[in-house]
Amino acid sequence: MTIFHISPAVADAFPDTLIAIVTATGLRGTEPWPATSSALEDLEAQLAGGAWQPADESDPRIEAWHTAYRSFGTNPRRIRPSVDALGRRMAKKGTLPRINPAVDSYNAVSVRHGLPSGAFDLDHVTDGVEIRYADGSETFTPLGEPDTVENPKPGEIIYTDSTDVLTRHWNHRDAHRTRVTEASTHVAFVLETVAATRDGHLLKTAANELQALLQPHCEQSTVHYLSPAHPDTTA
């Protein structure tokens, strides 16, 4: 079991935070995932037909994350929240990337609901995962850049385990070590809001939608929630 924890300092600074942890065990990433393929194609068709478009920075869901980023010293127009970057990419290209079924699933749910999402291969996580402010001593190896080492700035919000940083700028970019591949079998997916009073129902809908995409392709899936009132959960 992996414990996820929100530090008291982050909980105090963002009291309306709600994070869904959707865990899948026995994941089968090498078989076809037809519902995920359909979800991607449906979003792309809606965009092409003008019936839907991704949330942009004028949307309250994205605006809330821009405000959060600025509060810990990150310029959100230079280093964008993941859902903002993904939505901009889709709006420009008309398509979502195809990485692997598990990643494609959370990307589809993320952009559909305008909520940041990510995932960690729990077989490569050491000890627990904490969401906290960086002190500047931590190291981070970005996804796709296994030979690069960065140091988060002091005060930046990070996901980290006992080895190094798993995600910089709260949800901007994940680490290479815990990336989800077709071979990953034990994965924790996260969906986030810092405006739960307004968007908590949306987050729960998104978590259930993601779980529905995962369930046909895993042995077991669960959904747990992190919040300042409940700062610990297991995955």
C-alpha atoms as a PDB file:
ATOM      1  CA  MET A   1       0.000   0.000   0.000  1.00  0.00           C
ATOM      2  CA  THR A   2       1.211   3.509  -0.823  1.00  0.00           C
ATOM      3  CA  ILE A   3       0.159   6.387   1.412  1.00  0.00           C
ATOM      4  CA  PHE A   4      -0.694   9.729  -0.213  1.00  0.00           C
ATOM      5  CA  HIS A   5      -0.457  12.752   2.094  1.00  0.00           C
ATOM      6  CA  ILE A   6      -1.158  16.491   1.799  1.00  0.00           C
ATOM      7  CA  SER A   7       1.187  18.483   4.006  1.00  0.00           C
ATOM      8  CA  PRO A   8      -0.402  20.818   6.576  1.00  0.00           C
ATOM      9  CA  ALA A   9       1.143  23.861   4.881  1.00  0.00           C
ATOM     10  CA  VAL A  10      -0.417  23.022   1.508  1.00  0.00           C
ATOM     11  CA  ALA A  11      -3.739  22.147   3.146  1.00  0.00           C
ATOM     12  CA  ASP A  12      -3.773  25.487   4.966  1.00  0.00           C
ATOM     13  CA  ALA A  13      -2.892  27.456   1.819  1.00  0.00           C
ATOM     14  CA  PHE A  14      -5.451  25.639  -0.356  1.00  0.00           C
ATOM     15  CA  PRO A  15      -8.346  24.718   1.952  1.00  0.00           C
ATOM     16  CA  ASP A  16     -10.717  23.947  -0.951  1.00  0.00           C
ATOM     17  CA  THR A  17      -8.473  21.248  -2.427  1.00  0.00           C
ATOM     18  CA  LEU A  18      -9.926  17.875  -3.391  1.00  0.00           C
ATOM     19  CA  ILE A  19      -7.862  15.155  -5.047  1.00  0.00           C
ATOM     20  CA  ALA A  20      -9.226  11.855  -6.338  1.00  0.00           C
ATOM     21  CA  ILE A  21      -6.835   8.896  -6.253  1.00  0.00           C
ATOM     22  CA  VAL A  22      -8.024   6.216  -8.662  1.00  0.00           C
ATOM     23  CA  THR A  23      -5.950   3.059  -8.201  1.00  0.00           C
ATOM     24  CA  ALA A  24      -5.813   0.123 -10.601  1.00  0.00           C
ATOM     25  CA  THR A  25      -4.137  -3.213  -9.846  1.00  0.00           C
ATOM     26  CA  GLY A  26      -3.509  -5.967 -12.347  1.00  0.00           C
ATOM     27  CA  LEU A  27      -3.667  -3.432 -15.166  1.00  0.00           C
ATOM     28  CA  ARG A  28      -3.458  -4.872 -18.688  1.00  0.00           C
ATOM     29  CA  GLY A  29      -2.032  -2.140 -20.875  1.00  0.00           C
ATOM     30  CA  THR A  30      -1.185  -4.249 -23.914  1.00  0.00           C
ATOM     31  CA  GLU A  31      -4.740  -5.242 -24.856  1.00  0.00           C
ATOM     32  CA  PRO A  32      -7.185  -3.083 -26.854  1.00  0.00           C
ATOM     33  CA  TRP A  33      -9.176  -0.529 -24.825  1.00  0.00           C
ATOM     34  CA  PRO A  34     -12.126   0.201 -27.147  1.00  0.00           C
ATOM     35  CA  ALA A  35     -13.983   2.499 -24.715  1.00  0.00           C
ATOM     36  CA  THR A  36     -10.898   4.693 -24.354  1.00  0.00           C
ATOM     37  CA  SER A  37     -10.446   4.841 -28.126  1.00  0.00           C
ATOM     38  CA  SER A  38     -14.092   5.854 -28.469  1.00  0.00           C
ATOM     39  CA  ALA A  39     -13.742   8.534 -25.763  1.00  0.00           C
ATOM     40  CA  LEU A  40     -10.815  10.123 -27.608  1.00  0.00           C
ATOM     41  CA  GLU A  41     -12.553   9.962 -30.967  1.00  0.00           C
ATOM     42  CA  ASP A  42     -15.769  11.396 -29.527  1.00  0.00           C
ATOM     43  CA  LEU A  43     -13.985  14.420 -28.063  1.00  0.00           C
ATOM     44  CA  GLU A  44     -12.152  15.043 -31.327  1.00  0.00           C
ATOM     45  CA  ALA A  45     -15.394  14.800 -33.301  1.00  0.00           C
ATOM     46  CA  GLN A  46     -17.143  17.230 -30.936  1.00  0.00           C
ATOM     47  CA  LEU A  47     -14.267  19.682 -31.295  1.00  0.00           C
ATOM     48  CA  ALA A  48     -14.246  19.382 -35.092  1.00  0.00           C
ATOM     49  CA  GLY A  49     -18.013  19.903 -35.213  1.00  0.00           C
ATOM     50  CA  GLY A  50     -17.941  22.952 -32.954  1.00  0.00           C
ATOM     51  CA  ALA A  51     -20.063  21.308 -30.264  1.00  0.00           C
ATOM     52  CA  TRP A  52     -17.367  21.447 -27.586  1.00  0.00           C
ATOM     53  CA  GLN A  53     -13.974  22.950 -26.933  1.00  0.00           C
ATOM     54  CA  PRO A  54     -11.372  22.460 -24.200  1.00  0.00           C
ATOM     55  CA  ALA A  55     -11.418  24.797 -21.218  1.00  0.00           C
ATOM     56  CA  ASP A  56      -8.970  27.662 -21.658  1.00  0.00           C
ATOM     57  CA  GLU A  57      -7.539  30.193 -19.217  1.00  0.00           C
ATOM     58  CA  SER A  58     -10.759  32.227 -19.244  1.00  0.00           C
ATOM     59  CA  ASP A  59     -12.587  29.234 -17.743  1.00  0.00           C
ATOM     60  CA  PRO A  60     -12.925  29.318 -13.922  1.00  0.00           C
ATOM     61  CA  ARG A  61     -11.491  25.793 -13.654  1.00  0.00           C
ATOM     62  CA  ILE A  62      -8.255  26.829 -15.380  1.00  0.00           C
ATOM     63  CA  GLU A  63      -8.227  30.295 -13.825  1.00  0.00           C
ATOM     64  CA  ALA A  64      -8.202  28.712 -10.356  1.00  0.00           C
ATOM     65  CA  TRP A  65      -5.038  26.804 -11.210  1.00  0.00           C
ATOM     66  CA  HIS A  66      -3.375  29.896 -12.684  1.00  0.00           C
ATOM     67  CA  THR A  67      -4.062  31.685  -9.389  1.00  0.00           C
ATOM     68  CA  ALA A  68      -2.634  28.734  -7.443  1.00  0.00           C
ATOM     69  CA  TYR A  69       0.513  28.652  -9.589  1.00  0.00           C
ATOM     70  CA  ARG A  70       1.109  32.366  -9.120  1.00  0.00           C
ATOM     71  CA  SER A  71       0.759  31.938  -5.351  1.00  0.00           C
ATOM     72  CA  PHE A  72       3.817  29.678  -5.253  1.00  0.00           C
ATOM     73  CA  GLY A  73       5.862  31.712  -7.703  1.00  0.00           C
ATOM     74  CA  THR A  74       5.229  29.909 -11.012  1.00  0.00           C
ATOM     75  CA  ASN A  75       4.161  31.851 -14.103  1.00  0.00           C
ATOM     76  CA  PRO A  76       1.208  29.772 -15.422  1.00  0.00           C
ATOM     77  CA  ARG A  77       1.489  31.198 -18.923  1.00  0.00           C
ATOM     78  CA  ARG A  78       5.070  29.993 -19.205  1.00  0.00           C
ATOM     79  CA  ILE A  79       4.756  26.789 -17.170  1.00  0.00           C
ATOM     80  CA  ARG A  80       1.155  25.709 -17.598  1.00  0.00           C
ATOM     81  CA  PRO A  81      -1.018  23.408 -15.496  1.00  0.00           C
ATOM     82  CA  SER A  82      -1.245  20.051 -17.259  1.00  0.00           C
ATOM     83  CA  VAL A  83      -4.893  20.361 -18.269  1.00  0.00           C
ATOM     84  CA  ASP A  84      -4.294  23.857 -19.641  1.00  0.00           C
ATOM     85  CA  ALA A  85      -1.376  22.655 -21.773  1.00  0.00           C
ATOM     86  CA  LEU A  86      -3.284  19.591 -22.958  1.00  0.00           C
ATOM     87  CA  GLY A  87      -6.366  21.616 -23.875  1.00  0.00           C
ATOM     88  CA  ARG A  88      -4.312  24.174 -25.797  1.00  0.00           C
ATOM     89  CA  ARG A  89      -2.584  21.395 -27.701  1.00  0.00           C
ATOM     90  CA  MET A  90      -5.895  19.788 -28.600  1.00  0.00           C
ATOM     91  CA  ALA A  91      -7.472  23.083 -29.651  1.00  0.00           C
ATOM     92  CA  LYS A  92      -4.515  23.730 -31.958  1.00  0.00           C
ATOM     93  CA  LYS A  93      -4.091  20.251 -33.459  1.00  0.00           C
ATOM     94  CA  GLY A  94      -7.639  18.953 -33.251  1.00  0.00           C
ATOM     95  CA  THR A  95      -6.491  15.694 -31.688  1.00  0.00           C
ATOM     96  CA  LEU A  96      -5.251  14.264 -28.408  1.00  0.00           C
ATOM     97  CA  PRO A  97      -1.952  12.357 -28.301  1.00  0.00           C
ATOM     98  CA  ARG A  98      -1.979   8.560 -28.251  1.00  0.00           C
ATOM     99  CA  ILE A  99       0.561   7.374 -25.677  1.00  0.00           C
ATOM    100  CA  ASN A 100      -0.797   4.119 -24.261  1.00  0.00           C
ATOM    101  CA  PRO A 101      -4.304   3.113 -23.125  1.00  0.00           C
ATOM    102  CA  ALA A 102      -3.896   4.071 -19.455  1.00  0.00           C
ATOM    103  CA  VAL A 103      -2.418   7.493 -20.209  1.00  0.00           C
ATOM    104  CA  ASP A 104      -4.910   8.072 -23.020  1.00  0.00           C
ATOM    105  CA  SER A 105      -7.731   7.337 -20.566  1.00  0.00           C
ATOM    106  CA  TYR A 106      -6.753   9.965 -18.027  1.00  0.00           C
ATOM    107  CA  ASN A 107      -5.969  12.484 -20.765  1.00  0.00           C
ATOM    108  CA  ALA A 108      -9.469  12.063 -22.192  1.00  0.00           C
ATOM    109  CA  VAL A 109     -11.109  12.468 -18.789  1.00  0.00           C
ATOM    110  CA  SER A 110      -8.859  15.412 -17.890  1.00  0.00           C
ATOM    111  CA  VAL A 111      -9.579  17.480 -20.977  1.00  0.00           C
ATOM    112  CA  ARG A 112     -13.285  16.568 -21.048  1.00  0.00           C
ATOM    113  CA  HIS A 113     -13.815  17.873 -17.509  1.00  0.00           C
ATOM    114  CA  GLY A 114     -11.171  20.623 -17.413  1.00  0.00           C
ATOM    115  CA  LEU A 115      -9.346  19.072 -14.442  1.00  0.00           C
ATOM    116  CA  PRO A 116      -5.623  18.298 -14.118  1.00  0.00           C
ATOM    117  CA  SER A 117      -4.788  14.608 -14.125  1.00  0.00           C
ATOM    118  CA  GLY A 118      -1.674  12.471 -13.909  1.00  0.00           C
ATOM    119  CA  ALA A 119      -0.537   9.011 -12.903  1.00  0.00           C
ATOM    120  CA  PHE A 120       2.257   7.157 -11.131  1.00  0.00           C
ATOM    121  CA  ASP A 121       3.473   3.584 -11.598  1.00  0.00           C
ATOM    122  CA  LEU A 122       3.345   2.526  -7.960  1.00  0.00           C
ATOM    123  CA  ASP A 123       5.889  -0.248  -8.523  1.00  0.00           C
ATOM    124  CA  HIS A 124       8.451   2.537  -8.972  1.00  0.00           C
ATOM    125  CA  VAL A 125       7.331   4.726  -6.053  1.00  0.00           C
ATOM    126  CA  THR A 126       9.434   4.482  -2.895  1.00  0.00           C
ATOM    127  CA  ASP A 127       7.589   4.697   0.409  1.00  0.00           C
ATOM    128  CA  GLY A 128       4.742   7.240   0.500  1.00  0.00           C
ATOM    129  CA  VAL A 129       3.818  10.198  -1.706  1.00  0.00           C
ATOM    130  CA  GLU A 130       3.559  13.689  -0.213  1.00  0.00           C
ATOM    131  CA  ILE A 131       2.185  16.898  -1.694  1.00  0.00           C
ATOM    132  CA  ARG A 132       4.240  19.669  -0.117  1.00  0.00           C
ATOM    133  CA  TYR A 133       6.288  22.794  -0.670  1.00  0.00           C
ATOM    134  CA  ALA A 134       9.784  22.166  -2.033  1.00  0.00           C
ATOM    135  CA  ASP A 135      12.762  23.316   0.025  1.00  0.00           C
ATOM    136  CA  GLY A 136      15.092  23.480  -2.997  1.00  0.00           C
ATOM    137  CA  SER A 137      17.199  20.433  -2.149  1.00  0.00           C
ATOM    138  CA  GLU A 138      15.027  17.994  -4.108  1.00  0.00           C
ATOM    139  CA  THR A 139      15.856  16.503  -7.509  1.00  0.00           C
ATOM    140  CA  PHE A 140      13.567  15.845 -10.466  1.00  0.00           C
ATOM    141  CA  THR A 141      14.096  13.939 -13.709  1.00  0.00           C
ATOM    142  CA  PRO A 142      11.474  15.014 -16.271  1.00  0.00           C
ATOM    143  CA  LEU A 143       9.374  12.569 -18.244  1.00  0.00           C
ATOM    144  CA  GLY A 144      11.193  11.646 -21.436  1.00  0.00           C
ATOM    145  CA  GLU A 145      14.493  13.123 -20.243  1.00  0.00           C
ATOM    146  CA  PRO A 146      16.163  10.356 -18.186  1.00  0.00           C
ATOM    147  CA  ASP A 147      19.542  12.098 -18.213  1.00  0.00           C
ATOM    148  CA  THR A 148      18.244  15.483 -16.990  1.00  0.00           C
ATOM    149  CA  VAL A 149      18.217  16.501 -13.333  1.00  0.00           C
ATOM    150  CA  GLU A 150      16.393  19.630 -12.149  1.00  0.00           C
ATOM    151  CA  ASN A 151      15.950  21.219  -8.742  1.00  0.00           C
ATOM    152  CA  PRO A 152      12.510  22.641  -7.933  1.00  0.00           C
ATOM    153  CA  LYS A 153      12.561  26.165  -6.559  1.00  0.00           C
ATOM    154  CA  PRO A 154      11.962  26.602  -2.833  1.00  0.00           C
ATOM    155  CA  GLY A 155       8.249  27.159  -2.262  1.00  0.00           C
ATOM    156  CA  GLU A 156       7.123  25.317  -5.398  1.00  0.00           C
ATOM    157  CA  ILE A 157       4.428  22.701  -4.732  1.00  0.00           C
ATOM    158  CA  ILE A 158       5.537  19.182  -5.625  1.00  0.00           C
ATOM    159  CA  TYR A 159       4.524  15.558  -5.398  1.00  0.00           C
ATOM    160  CA  THR A 160       7.494  13.647  -3.962  1.00  0.00           C
ATOM    161  CA  ASP A 161       8.422  10.279  -2.521  1.00  0.00           C
ATOM    162  CA  SER A 162      11.502   9.367  -0.482  1.00  0.00           C
ATOM    163  CA  THR A 163      13.717   9.215  -3.594  1.00  0.00           C
ATOM    164  CA  ASP A 164      12.944  12.415  -5.520  1.00  0.00           C
ATOM    165  CA  VAL A 165      10.202  14.545  -7.042  1.00  0.00           C
ATOM    166  CA  LEU A 166       7.348  12.873  -8.928  1.00  0.00           C
ATOM    167  CA  THR A 167       5.636  16.013 -10.269  1.00  0.00           C
ATOM    168  CA  ARG A 168       6.803  19.645 -10.457  1.00  0.00           C
ATOM    169  CA  HIS A 169       4.637  22.768 -10.115  1.00  0.00           C
ATOM    170  CA  TRP A 170       1.866  20.658  -8.516  1.00  0.00           C
ATOM    171  CA  ASN A 171       0.731  19.131 -11.830  1.00  0.00           C
ATOM    172  CA  HIS A 172       2.797  20.627 -14.648  1.00  0.00           C
ATOM    173  CA  ARG A 173       5.042  17.663 -15.473  1.00  0.00           C
ATOM    174  CA  ASP A 174       5.570  14.129 -14.212  1.00  0.00           C
ATOM    175  CA  ALA A 175       8.835  12.328 -13.548  1.00  0.00           C
ATOM    176  CA  HIS A 176      10.462   9.782 -15.821  1.00  0.00           C
ATOM    177  CA  ARG A 177      10.979   7.170 -13.080  1.00  0.00           C
ATOM    178  CA  THR A 178       7.298   6.705 -12.241  1.00  0.00           C
ATOM    179  CA  ARG A 179       5.916   7.145 -15.766  1.00  0.00           C
ATOM    180  CA  VAL A 180       3.059   4.883 -16.820  1.00  0.00           C
ATOM    181  CA  THR A 181       3.814   2.525 -19.711  1.00  0.00           C
ATOM    182  CA  GLU A 182       1.955  -0.359 -21.356  1.00  0.00           C
ATOM    183  CA  ALA A 183       3.819  -2.664 -18.960  1.00  0.00           C
ATOM    184  CA  SER A 184       2.620  -0.861 -15.800  1.00  0.00           C
ATOM    185  CA  THR A 185       0.326  -3.060 -13.704  1.00  0.00           C
ATOM    186  CA  HIS A 186      -0.177  -1.082 -10.461  1.00  0.00           C
ATOM    187  CA  VAL A 187      -1.028   2.556 -11.119  1.00  0.00           C
ATOM    188  CA  ALA A 188      -2.416   5.478  -9.120  1.00  0.00           C
ATOM    189  CA  PHE A 189      -4.210   8.089 -11.223  1.00  0.00           C
ATOM    190  CA  VAL A 190      -4.874  11.534  -9.726  1.00  0.00           C
ATOM    191  CA  LEU A 191      -7.522  14.142 -10.601  1.00  0.00           C
ATOM    192  CA  GLU A 192      -7.400  17.511  -8.855  1.00  0.00           C
ATOM    193  CA  THR A 193      -9.274  20.695  -8.063  1.00  0.00           C
ATOM    194  CA  VAL A 194      -8.448  23.619  -5.780  1.00  0.00           C
ATOM    195  CA  ALA A 195     -12.087  24.768  -5.948  1.00  0.00           C
ATOM    196  CA  ALA A 196     -13.984  21.802  -4.505  1.00  0.00           C
ATOM    197  CA  THR A 197     -16.919  23.895  -3.307  1.00  0.00           C
ATOM    198  CA  ARG A 198     -17.673  24.688  -6.945  1.00  0.00           C
ATOM    199  CA  ASP A 199     -16.123  21.732  -8.805  1.00  0.00           C
ATOM    200  CA  GLY A 200     -16.125  18.831  -6.349  1.00  0.00           C
ATOM    201  CA  HIS A 201     -19.117  17.205  -8.042  1.00  0.00           C
ATOM    202  CA  LEU A 202     -17.300  17.470 -11.369  1.00  0.00           C
ATOM    203  CA  LEU A 203     -14.201  15.839  -9.897  1.00  0.00           C
ATOM    204  CA  LYS A 204     -16.237  12.913  -8.583  1.00  0.00           C
ATOM    205  CA  THR A 205     -17.926  12.476 -11.958  1.00  0.00           C
ATOM    206  CA  ALA A 206     -14.520  12.495 -13.656  1.00  0.00           C
ATOM    207  CA  ALA A 207     -13.100   9.963 -11.186  1.00  0.00           C
ATOM    208  CA  ASN A 208     -16.029   7.624 -11.790  1.00  0.00           C
ATOM    209  CA  GLU A 209     -15.643   8.040 -15.542  1.00  0.00           C
ATOM    210  CA  LEU A 210     -11.932   7.201 -15.346  1.00  0.00           C
ATOM    211  CA  GLN A 211     -12.632   4.171 -13.157  1.00  0.00           C
ATOM    212  CA  ALA A 212     -15.179   2.954 -15.718  1.00  0.00           C
ATOM    213  CA  LEU A 213     -12.527   3.118 -18.452  1.00  0.00           C
ATOM    214  CA  LEU A 214     -10.038   1.213 -16.288  1.00  0.00           C
ATOM    215  CA  GLN A 215     -12.268  -1.509 -14.849  1.00  0.00           C
ATOM    216  CA  PRO A 216     -12.503  -3.774 -17.924  1.00  0.00           C
ATOM    217  CA  HIS A 217      -8.699  -3.849 -18.092  1.00  0.00           C
ATOM    218  CA  CYS A 218      -7.631  -4.466 -14.492  1.00  0.00           C
ATOM    219  CA  GLU A 219      -8.212  -6.899 -11.650  1.00  0.00           C
ATOM    220  CA  GLN A 220      -9.384  -4.236  -9.206  1.00  0.00           C
ATOM    221  CA  SER A 221      -9.894  -0.485  -9.028  1.00  0.00           C
ATOM    222  CA  THR A 222     -10.673   1.861  -6.150  1.00  0.00           C
ATOM    223  CA  VAL A 223     -11.328   5.576  -5.683  1.00  0.00           C
ATOM    224  CA  HIS A 224     -10.196   7.512  -2.604  1.00  0.00           C
ATOM    225  CA  TYR A 225     -10.180  11.240  -1.905  1.00  0.00           C
ATOM    226  CA  LEU A 226      -7.612  13.553  -0.338  1.00  0.00           C
ATOM    227  CA  SER A 227      -8.594  16.887   1.182  1.00  0.00           C
ATOM    228  CA  PRO A 228      -7.456  19.148   4.022  1.00  0.00           C
ATOM    229  CA  ALA A 229     -10.050  17.464   6.224  1.00  0.00           C
ATOM    230  CA  HIS A 230      -8.786  14.007   5.190  1.00  0.00           C
ATOM    231  CA  PRO A 231      -5.095  14.555   4.331  1.00  0.00           C
ATOM    232  CA  ASP A 232      -4.087  10.883   4.086  1.00  0.00           C
ATOM    233  CA  THR A 233      -5.256   7.957   1.992  1.00  0.00           C
ATOM    234  CA  THR A 234      -3.804   4.735   0.627  1.00  0.00           C
ATOM    235  CA  ALA A 235      -3.464   3.557  -2.956  1.00  0.00           C
END
